[in-house]
Amino acid sequence: MTDLQQELAFIEGGKVILREQEGFPQREIGEVKDDEATALQFFQDRFTSLKEKVDKVQHQIDTEDNKGSFLMKVVNLKESLSTYDGIGDFVAIKDRLEMLEKMLEDYISQNRKRNLEVKSTLIEEAKSYASNPDWREATEKLKELRQRWIRVGAVDDDKKEEVETTFQGIYDEFYEKKKAFHEAKKEMLAAREKQYETLIENAKQLQNAKLESVELTEKSNELVEEWKELENIPKEKYALLLKEFKKYTQAGRKAGSSKNSKLQNKQGNDNEKRSLIEELKAAKNLSPTESIERAKAIQQKWKNSGKTFNKSLNEEYFTLNDYIFEKSFVENLFERKAKKDIEEKDALKLKMNILRDLISRDQRELNVFEENLEKFNLGTEKLDKMVGFKHEKQKRKLAVKQQIMEELRDLNKNLK
């Protein structure tokens, strides 16, 4: 028996006994099967094997990046010491493992603090993307951001629920608003298509009415004017409806083309229309809901006031009318996206973001419309002219949105 073996263990009654060490009580670790020297060497070799395991895990901790993943291995090794059958300095091994455990706990704690900082930054980034009025771009950005979030490690347990709930809440709110926006857009387009279909039905019924040619022409012209003022719908659907509409309005207008239908009192019409424009100017200063109601009422009066050949009156009226409806539309989108108790300056910024998206969308639609103008040539001068009016209307609506944007920018400057 070597001095070390004698110091750490002894044999009694054919049993190998490990002497008491600090924190480790004396205990039996095995039996003598061949001779005492062989038995003692066997258990000393087992301790050497344990030490090699500790050396290996320490090397892995020193050299590998995912250091925190070795914590449980260190803890398991430390907990196994009290029952491990071997002869050696268990106190020294325990001290090494406790040192490694403390180091890894500190390392994990620091990592979790850094992870919290990273995730807090990602939360702010998610809020920024979620406020982008471009739904497609925002969706792509948020998908990419979620993958980055997944790659960030854990945070402290007392912060985990709060952080995860906040992050997921941004996504839940974004997708709820996105769904509401597209549902509203779908309803809006359906309502617009219904307006076109109603005019087609009115034109069809007009052809079956027993009217004088002059009256038939006047009423057909009125329907065409109403058609031109309807809101945009997808171009494929518009082209189909326009073909259907022109079958009836073209027939009605041809029926009275041989007679002079300009029987209206032009001056009287213009005076009435000027009065309606003044009413519309006053409606601009009302609340969004009130201004829309007034604009709709004035719209009906405008249609009933007869035709005018004064281009500037028409342009002024339609610009004012578009202004009220476009501003109301922006307000409705703002209400869907804005948080409760939003600050005035933040509200202005959100409205400007919404408008930027709408302006960008309108500009793209206008570019496509202009590129495809020749596709709308349906064979008659008057219907080609109708498409021309549609073109002017798109340009006007874009200009109106740009005007509202300038007004918001001025308000934003005044708040600084």
Protein backbone atom coordinates (compact mmCIF):
# COMPACT_ATOMS: atom_id res chain seq x y z
CA MET A 1 0.00 0.00 0.00
CA THR A 2 1.44 3.36 -0.98
CA ASP A 3 1.50 6.30 1.41
CA LEU A 4 -1.30 7.97 -0.57
CA GLN A 5 -3.44 4.85 -0.48
CA GLN A 6 -2.77 4.47 3.22
CA GLU A 7 -3.68 8.10 3.84
CA LEU A 8 -6.96 7.90 1.93
CA ALA A 9 -8.16 4.29 2.48
CA PHE A 10 -7.66 1.07 4.42
CA ILE A 11 -8.75 -2.57 4.26
CA GLU A 12 -10.70 -4.22 7.02
CA GLY A 13 -12.37 -7.62 6.98
CA GLY A 14 -11.84 -7.95 3.24
CA LYS A 15 -13.58 -4.62 2.61
CA VAL A 16 -12.01 -1.50 1.05
CA ILE A 17 -12.87 1.51 3.25
CA LEU A 18 -12.47 5.15 2.07
CA ARG A 19 -11.34 7.34 4.95
CA GLU A 20 -13.33 10.44 5.94
CA GLN A 21 -12.47 13.60 4.00
CA GLU A 22 -13.81 17.11 4.55
CA GLY A 23 -17.51 16.87 3.74
CA PHE A 24 -17.27 13.19 2.81
CA PRO A 25 -17.86 10.63 5.64
CA GLN A 26 -15.97 7.35 5.87
CA ARG A 27 -17.62 4.63 3.77
CA GLU A 28 -17.14 1.22 2.20
CA ILE A 29 -16.34 1.36 -1.50
CA GLY A 30 -15.71 -2.31 -2.41
CA GLU A 31 -14.27 -5.71 -1.62
CA VAL A 32 -10.87 -7.36 -1.97
CA LYS A 33 -11.25 -10.02 -4.66
CA ASP A 34 -7.66 -11.03 -5.49
CA ASP A 35 -5.23 -9.27 -3.20
CA GLU A 36 -5.18 -5.97 -1.30
CA ALA A 37 -2.72 -4.17 -3.61
CA THR A 38 -4.77 -5.00 -6.69
CA ALA A 39 -8.00 -3.87 -5.01
CA LEU A 40 -6.51 -0.56 -3.89
CA GLN A 41 -5.00 0.11 -7.34
CA PHE A 42 -8.35 -0.65 -8.98
CA PHE A 43 -10.15 2.01 -6.94
CA GLN A 44 -7.29 4.48 -7.39
CA ASP A 45 -7.58 3.97 -11.18
CA ARG A 46 -11.32 4.60 -10.92
CA PHE A 47 -10.61 7.93 -9.25
CA THR A 48 -8.16 8.77 -12.05
CA SER A 49 -10.98 8.10 -14.53
CA LEU A 50 -13.21 10.52 -12.58
CA LYS A 51 -10.51 13.17 -12.65
CA GLU A 52 -10.16 12.74 -16.43
CA LYS A 53 -13.89 13.37 -16.82
CA VAL A 54 -13.52 16.62 -14.87
CA ASP A 55 -10.47 17.57 -16.96
CA LYS A 56 -12.45 16.93 -20.14
CA VAL A 57 -15.46 19.02 -19.17
CA GLN A 58 -13.21 21.87 -18.04
CA HIS A 59 -11.43 21.77 -21.40
CA GLN A 60 -14.78 21.92 -23.21
CA ILE A 61 -15.84 24.91 -21.11
CA ASP A 62 -12.57 26.69 -21.90
CA THR A 63 -12.68 26.05 -25.64
CA GLU A 64 -16.32 25.92 -26.76
CA ASP A 65 -18.78 28.79 -27.25
CA ASN A 66 -21.88 27.25 -25.69
CA LYS A 67 -20.35 27.19 -22.22
CA GLY A 68 -23.67 27.39 -20.42
CA SER A 69 -24.71 24.01 -21.79
CA PHE A 70 -22.10 22.29 -19.55
CA LEU A 71 -23.56 23.51 -16.26
CA MET A 72 -25.73 20.45 -15.66
CA LYS A 73 -22.83 18.15 -16.48
CA VAL A 74 -20.72 19.90 -13.82
CA VAL A 75 -23.58 19.71 -11.30
CA ASN A 76 -24.14 16.00 -11.98
CA LEU A 77 -20.45 15.25 -11.55
CA LYS A 78 -20.37 17.14 -8.25
CA GLU A 79 -23.46 15.33 -6.95
CA SER A 80 -21.96 11.94 -7.88
CA LEU A 81 -18.88 12.43 -5.69
CA SER A 82 -20.54 11.29 -2.47
CA THR A 83 -21.31 7.86 -3.94
CA TYR A 84 -18.44 7.44 -6.39
CA ASP A 85 -16.30 4.39 -5.61
CA GLY A 86 -12.68 5.43 -5.93
CA ILE A 87 -9.61 6.38 -3.94
CA GLY A 88 -8.39 9.94 -4.31
CA ASP A 89 -8.70 13.53 -3.14
CA PHE A 90 -12.47 14.09 -3.43
CA VAL A 91 -12.20 17.47 -1.70
CA ALA A 92 -9.93 18.79 -4.46
CA ILE A 93 -12.27 17.48 -7.16
CA LYS A 94 -15.26 19.02 -5.39
CA ASP A 95 -13.47 22.40 -5.14
CA ARG A 96 -12.72 22.31 -8.87
CA LEU A 97 -16.30 21.46 -9.77
CA GLU A 98 -17.73 24.15 -7.48
CA MET A 99 -15.38 26.68 -9.05
CA LEU A 100 -16.60 25.64 -12.52
CA GLU A 101 -20.24 25.72 -11.37
CA LYS A 102 -19.87 29.27 -10.00
CA MET A 103 -18.09 30.41 -13.16
CA LEU A 104 -20.81 28.97 -15.39
CA GLU A 105 -23.61 30.45 -13.27
CA ASP A 106 -21.97 33.88 -13.56
CA TYR A 107 -21.48 33.34 -17.28
CA ILE A 108 -25.15 32.36 -17.75
CA SER A 109 -26.32 35.29 -15.62
CA GLN A 110 -24.32 37.74 -17.74
CA ASN A 111 -25.58 36.09 -20.92
CA ARG A 112 -29.17 36.37 -19.77
CA LYS A 113 -28.68 40.06 -19.02
CA ARG A 114 -27.29 40.56 -22.52
CA ASN A 115 -30.16 38.49 -23.94
CA LEU A 116 -32.63 40.75 -22.14
CA GLU A 117 -30.97 43.81 -23.68
CA VAL A 118 -31.08 42.22 -27.14
CA LYS A 119 -34.72 41.17 -26.77
CA SER A 120 -35.69 44.62 -25.48
CA THR A 121 -34.11 46.10 -28.63
CA LEU A 122 -35.97 43.58 -30.80
CA ILE A 123 -39.25 44.52 -29.09
CA GLU A 124 -38.73 48.18 -30.03
CA GLU A 125 -37.82 47.11 -33.55
CA ALA A 126 -41.00 45.03 -33.75
CA LYS A 127 -43.08 48.04 -32.63
CA SER A 128 -41.50 50.10 -35.41
CA TYR A 129 -42.25 47.48 -38.07
CA ALA A 130 -45.80 46.96 -36.76
CA SER A 131 -46.54 50.68 -37.22
CA ASN A 132 -45.53 50.59 -40.90
CA PRO A 133 -48.69 51.22 -43.00
CA ASP A 134 -47.25 49.06 -45.79
CA TRP A 135 -48.76 45.76 -44.63
CA ARG A 136 -46.72 43.58 -47.02
CA GLU A 137 -43.39 45.11 -46.07
CA ALA A 138 -44.27 45.09 -42.36
CA THR A 139 -45.26 41.42 -42.50
CA GLU A 140 -41.95 40.41 -44.14
CA LYS A 141 -39.93 42.43 -41.63
CA LEU A 142 -41.78 40.91 -38.68
CA LYS A 143 -41.30 37.36 -40.01
CA GLU A 144 -37.55 37.93 -40.32
CA LEU A 145 -37.45 39.54 -36.86
CA ARG A 146 -39.14 36.51 -35.26
CA GLN A 147 -36.36 34.26 -36.57
CA ARG A 148 -33.78 36.54 -34.96
CA TRP A 149 -35.77 36.45 -31.72
CA ILE A 150 -35.74 32.64 -31.70
CA ARG A 151 -31.94 32.62 -32.04
CA VAL A 152 -31.49 34.79 -28.93
CA GLY A 153 -30.95 32.79 -25.74
CA ALA A 154 -33.04 32.75 -22.58
CA VAL A 155 -33.48 35.59 -20.09
CA ASP A 156 -33.82 35.34 -16.31
CA ASP A 157 -36.93 33.44 -15.24
CA ASP A 158 -38.43 36.48 -13.47
CA LYS A 159 -38.34 38.42 -16.77
CA LYS A 160 -39.19 35.63 -19.21
CA GLU A 161 -43.00 35.84 -19.10
CA GLU A 162 -43.06 39.63 -19.34
CA VAL A 163 -40.65 39.73 -22.29
CA GLU A 164 -42.34 36.92 -24.23
CA THR A 165 -45.84 38.33 -23.59
CA THR A 166 -44.82 41.81 -24.73
CA PHE A 167 -43.19 40.52 -27.90
CA GLN A 168 -46.08 38.23 -28.81
CA GLY A 169 -48.58 40.99 -28.02
CA ILE A 170 -47.04 43.20 -30.73
CA TYR A 171 -47.53 40.43 -33.28
CA ASP A 172 -51.07 39.63 -32.14
CA GLU A 173 -52.10 43.30 -32.35
CA PHE A 174 -50.44 43.72 -35.76
CA TYR A 175 -52.19 40.72 -37.31
CA GLU A 176 -55.54 41.72 -35.81
CA LYS A 177 -55.23 45.19 -37.35
CA LYS A 178 -54.01 43.73 -40.63
CA LYS A 179 -57.03 41.43 -40.74
CA ALA A 180 -59.38 44.31 -39.91
CA PHE A 181 -57.77 46.49 -42.59
CA HIS A 182 -58.14 43.87 -45.32
CA GLU A 183 -61.69 43.07 -44.26
CA ALA A 184 -62.54 46.78 -44.42
CA LYS A 185 -60.84 47.06 -47.81
CA LYS A 186 -62.75 44.03 -49.08
CA GLU A 187 -66.04 45.51 -47.86
CA MET A 188 -65.14 48.86 -49.42
CA LEU A 189 -64.39 47.29 -52.83
CA ALA A 190 -67.60 45.24 -52.66
CA ALA A 191 -69.57 48.40 -51.91
CA ARG A 192 -67.90 50.21 -54.82
CA GLU A 193 -68.66 47.36 -57.23
CA LYS A 194 -72.26 47.45 -56.03
CA GLN A 195 -72.43 51.14 -56.97
CA TYR A 196 -71.23 50.35 -60.49
CA GLU A 197 -73.74 47.50 -60.79
CA THR A 198 -76.55 49.78 -59.58
CA LEU A 199 -75.76 52.30 -62.34
CA ILE A 200 -75.73 49.49 -64.91
CA GLU A 201 -79.17 48.39 -63.73
CA ASN A 202 -80.41 51.99 -63.83
CA ALA A 203 -79.09 52.36 -67.39
CA LYS A 204 -80.78 49.12 -68.37
CA GLN A 205 -84.11 50.23 -66.92
CA LEU A 206 -83.76 53.57 -68.64
CA GLN A 207 -83.76 51.88 -72.04
CA ASN A 208 -87.05 50.17 -71.19
CA ALA A 209 -88.72 53.41 -70.10
CA LYS A 210 -90.89 55.22 -72.63
CA LEU A 211 -89.04 58.52 -72.71
CA GLU A 212 -88.63 61.23 -75.28
CA SER A 213 -85.27 61.11 -76.99
CA VAL A 214 -84.12 64.39 -75.41
CA GLU A 215 -85.01 63.23 -71.90
CA LEU A 216 -83.42 59.81 -72.57
CA THR A 217 -80.18 61.49 -73.64
CA GLU A 218 -80.17 63.77 -70.59
CA LYS A 219 -80.71 60.90 -68.17
CA SER A 220 -78.09 58.76 -69.93
CA ASN A 221 -75.64 61.66 -69.61
CA GLU A 222 -76.44 61.96 -65.92
CA LEU A 223 -75.67 58.27 -65.40
CA VAL A 224 -72.37 58.67 -67.24
CA GLU A 225 -71.48 61.61 -64.98
CA GLU A 226 -72.31 59.53 -61.90
CA TRP A 227 -70.20 56.66 -63.27
CA LYS A 228 -67.18 58.91 -63.66
CA GLU A 229 -67.32 59.95 -60.02
CA LEU A 230 -67.34 56.44 -58.56
CA GLU A 231 -64.28 55.24 -56.64
CA ASN A 232 -61.63 52.98 -58.20
CA ILE A 233 -61.97 49.18 -58.31
CA PRO A 234 -59.56 46.55 -59.72
CA LYS A 235 -59.02 47.32 -63.41
CA GLU A 236 -60.08 43.87 -64.68
CA LYS A 237 -63.45 44.15 -62.94
CA TYR A 238 -63.80 47.77 -64.03
CA ALA A 239 -63.28 46.89 -67.70
CA LEU A 240 -66.01 44.22 -67.55
CA LEU A 241 -68.50 46.53 -65.87
CA LEU A 242 -67.66 49.38 -68.24
CA LYS A 243 -68.46 47.21 -71.27
CA GLU A 244 -71.80 46.28 -69.74
CA PHE A 245 -72.58 49.89 -68.86
CA LYS A 246 -71.75 51.26 -72.29
CA LYS A 247 -74.22 48.91 -74.00
CA TYR A 248 -77.10 50.84 -72.44
CA THR A 249 -75.74 54.39 -72.10
CA GLN A 250 -74.40 54.40 -75.65
CA ALA A 251 -77.85 53.43 -76.96
CA GLY A 252 -79.56 56.11 -74.88
CA ARG A 253 -77.20 58.87 -75.90
CA LYS A 254 -77.38 57.93 -79.58
CA ALA A 255 -81.19 58.08 -79.44
CA GLY A 256 -81.11 61.78 -78.75
CA SER A 257 -78.02 62.75 -80.69
CA SER A 258 -80.05 64.26 -83.52
CA LYS A 259 -81.67 66.85 -81.26
CA ASN A 260 -80.23 69.66 -79.26
CA SER A 261 -80.49 68.68 -75.60
CA LYS A 262 -78.96 71.84 -74.13
CA LEU A 263 -82.24 73.10 -72.73
CA GLN A 264 -80.97 73.95 -69.26
CA ASN A 265 -80.53 77.42 -67.92
CA LYS A 266 -76.72 77.45 -67.86
CA GLN A 267 -76.39 80.60 -65.78
CA GLY A 268 -78.88 79.38 -63.19
CA ASN A 269 -77.10 76.05 -62.92
CA ASP A 270 -73.74 77.72 -62.41
CA ASN A 271 -75.07 80.00 -59.67
CA GLU A 272 -76.57 77.05 -57.82
CA LYS A 273 -73.34 75.11 -58.15
CA ARG A 274 -71.30 78.05 -56.79
CA SER A 275 -73.59 78.08 -53.76
CA LEU A 276 -73.06 74.36 -53.24
CA ILE A 277 -69.29 74.84 -53.44
CA GLU A 278 -69.50 77.38 -50.63
CA GLU A 279 -71.48 74.86 -48.55
CA LEU A 280 -68.81 72.27 -49.25
CA LYS A 281 -66.04 74.65 -48.14
CA ALA A 282 -67.86 75.12 -44.83
CA ALA A 283 -68.25 71.33 -44.47
CA LYS A 284 -64.44 70.95 -44.53
CA ASN A 285 -64.26 72.49 -41.06
CA LEU A 286 -66.73 70.08 -39.45
CA SER A 287 -65.84 66.83 -37.71
CA PRO A 288 -65.01 63.93 -40.10
CA THR A 289 -68.40 62.28 -39.57
CA GLU A 290 -70.36 65.51 -40.00
CA SER A 291 -68.34 66.64 -43.01
CA ILE A 292 -68.98 63.29 -44.77
CA GLU A 293 -72.73 63.55 -44.15
CA ARG A 294 -72.82 67.13 -45.47
CA ALA A 295 -70.70 66.17 -48.49
CA LYS A 296 -73.08 63.32 -49.35
CA ALA A 297 -76.09 65.64 -49.10
CA ILE A 298 -74.37 68.29 -51.25
CA GLN A 299 -73.35 65.56 -53.71
CA GLN A 300 -76.99 64.75 -54.35
CA LYS A 301 -77.88 68.43 -54.73
CA TRP A 302 -74.99 68.84 -57.21
CA LYS A 303 -76.32 65.99 -59.35
CA ASN A 304 -79.82 67.49 -59.30
CA SER A 305 -78.65 71.01 -60.15
CA GLY A 306 -78.16 70.19 -63.81
CA LYS A 307 -75.18 70.22 -66.11
CA THR A 308 -72.54 72.93 -66.28
CA PHE A 309 -69.98 73.58 -68.97
CA ASN A 310 -67.85 75.59 -66.55
CA LYS A 311 -64.79 73.36 -66.15
CA SER A 312 -63.35 75.35 -63.23
CA LEU A 313 -66.57 74.90 -61.22
CA ASN A 314 -66.47 71.15 -61.75
CA GLU A 315 -62.80 70.96 -60.84
CA GLU A 316 -63.26 73.03 -57.67
CA TYR A 317 -66.23 70.98 -56.53
CA PHE A 318 -64.66 67.60 -57.14
CA THR A 319 -61.38 68.64 -55.50
CA LEU A 320 -63.22 69.78 -52.36
CA ASN A 321 -65.37 66.66 -52.37
CA ASP A 322 -62.33 64.39 -52.73
CA TYR A 323 -60.57 66.27 -49.94
CA ILE A 324 -63.38 65.53 -47.48
CA PHE A 325 -63.69 61.84 -48.41
CA GLU A 326 -59.93 61.23 -48.53
CA LYS A 327 -59.39 62.92 -45.16
CA SER A 328 -62.19 60.83 -43.66
CA PHE A 329 -60.61 57.67 -45.08
CA VAL A 330 -57.25 58.55 -43.48
CA GLU A 331 -59.00 59.20 -40.16
CA ASN A 332 -60.72 55.80 -40.32
CA LEU A 333 -57.41 54.02 -40.96
CA PHE A 334 -55.83 56.02 -38.15
CA GLU A 335 -58.56 54.94 -35.72
CA ARG A 336 -57.94 51.30 -36.63
CA LYS A 337 -54.16 51.51 -36.06
CA ALA A 338 -53.80 54.05 -33.24
CA LYS A 339 -53.38 53.06 -29.63
CA LYS A 340 -55.57 54.55 -26.92
CA ASP A 341 -54.41 57.87 -25.43
CA ILE A 342 -51.85 58.39 -28.22
CA GLU A 343 -49.89 61.64 -27.96
CA GLU A 344 -50.75 64.36 -30.47
CA LYS A 345 -47.29 64.34 -32.06
CA ASP A 346 -47.29 60.54 -32.34
CA ALA A 347 -50.78 60.71 -33.84
CA LEU A 348 -49.55 63.13 -36.52
CA LYS A 349 -46.62 60.87 -37.34
CA LEU A 350 -48.91 57.85 -37.66
CA LYS A 351 -51.27 59.76 -39.97
CA MET A 352 -48.31 60.82 -42.13
CA ASN A 353 -47.11 57.20 -42.31
CA ILE A 354 -50.59 56.12 -43.40
CA LEU A 355 -50.68 58.86 -46.04
CA ARG A 356 -47.24 57.94 -47.36
CA ASP A 357 -48.49 54.42 -47.98
CA LEU A 358 -51.69 55.67 -49.65
CA ILE A 359 -49.78 58.16 -51.81
CA SER A 360 -47.31 55.45 -52.83
CA ARG A 361 -50.17 53.10 -53.68
CA ASP A 362 -52.04 55.78 -55.69
CA GLN A 363 -48.88 56.69 -57.56
CA ARG A 364 -48.34 53.05 -58.53
CA GLU A 365 -51.98 52.72 -59.66
CA LEU A 366 -51.69 55.92 -61.68
CA ASN A 367 -48.49 54.71 -63.34
CA VAL A 368 -50.15 51.40 -64.28
CA PHE A 369 -53.25 53.22 -65.52
CA GLU A 370 -51.18 55.51 -67.73
CA GLU A 371 -49.15 52.59 -69.08
CA ASN A 372 -52.35 50.75 -70.04
CA LEU A 373 -54.50 53.64 -71.28
CA GLU A 374 -54.63 52.22 -74.78
CA LYS A 375 -56.22 49.03 -73.42
CA PHE A 376 -59.31 51.00 -72.45
CA ASN A 377 -60.09 52.08 -76.01
CA LEU A 378 -63.53 50.56 -76.38
CA GLY A 379 -64.30 51.92 -79.82
CA THR A 380 -66.33 55.06 -79.14
CA GLU A 381 -65.13 58.59 -78.66
CA LYS A 382 -67.46 59.22 -75.73
CA LEU A 383 -66.43 56.13 -73.82
CA ASP A 384 -62.78 56.88 -74.47
CA LYS A 385 -63.51 60.29 -73.01
CA MET A 386 -65.04 58.59 -69.96
CA VAL A 387 -61.78 56.74 -69.38
CA GLY A 388 -60.01 60.07 -69.75
CA PHE A 389 -62.16 61.48 -66.95
CA LYS A 390 -61.18 58.47 -64.85
CA HIS A 391 -57.55 59.29 -65.48
CA GLU A 392 -58.05 62.89 -64.37
CA LYS A 393 -59.87 61.69 -61.27
CA GLN A 394 -56.94 59.47 -60.26
CA LYS A 395 -54.53 62.36 -60.67
CA ARG A 396 -56.81 64.62 -58.64
CA LYS A 397 -57.11 62.14 -55.78
CA LEU A 398 -53.33 61.79 -55.65
CA ALA A 399 -52.96 65.58 -55.53
CA VAL A 400 -55.53 65.81 -52.73
CA LYS A 401 -53.65 63.27 -50.60
CA GLN A 402 -50.44 65.22 -51.19
CA GLN A 403 -52.24 68.38 -50.06
CA ILE A 404 -53.38 66.68 -46.83
CA MET A 405 -49.81 65.46 -46.28
CA GLU A 406 -48.48 69.04 -46.56
CA GLU A 407 -51.08 70.21 -44.02
CA LEU A 408 -50.00 67.48 -41.58
CA ARG A 409 -46.34 68.39 -42.05
CA ASP A 410 -47.13 72.02 -41.23
CA LEU A 411 -48.97 70.93 -38.07
CA ASN A 412 -46.05 68.72 -37.10
CA LYS A 413 -43.60 71.61 -37.48
CA ASN A 414 -45.76 73.82 -35.28
CA LEU A 415 -45.67 71.22 -32.50
CA LYS A 416 -41.85 71.30 -32.27
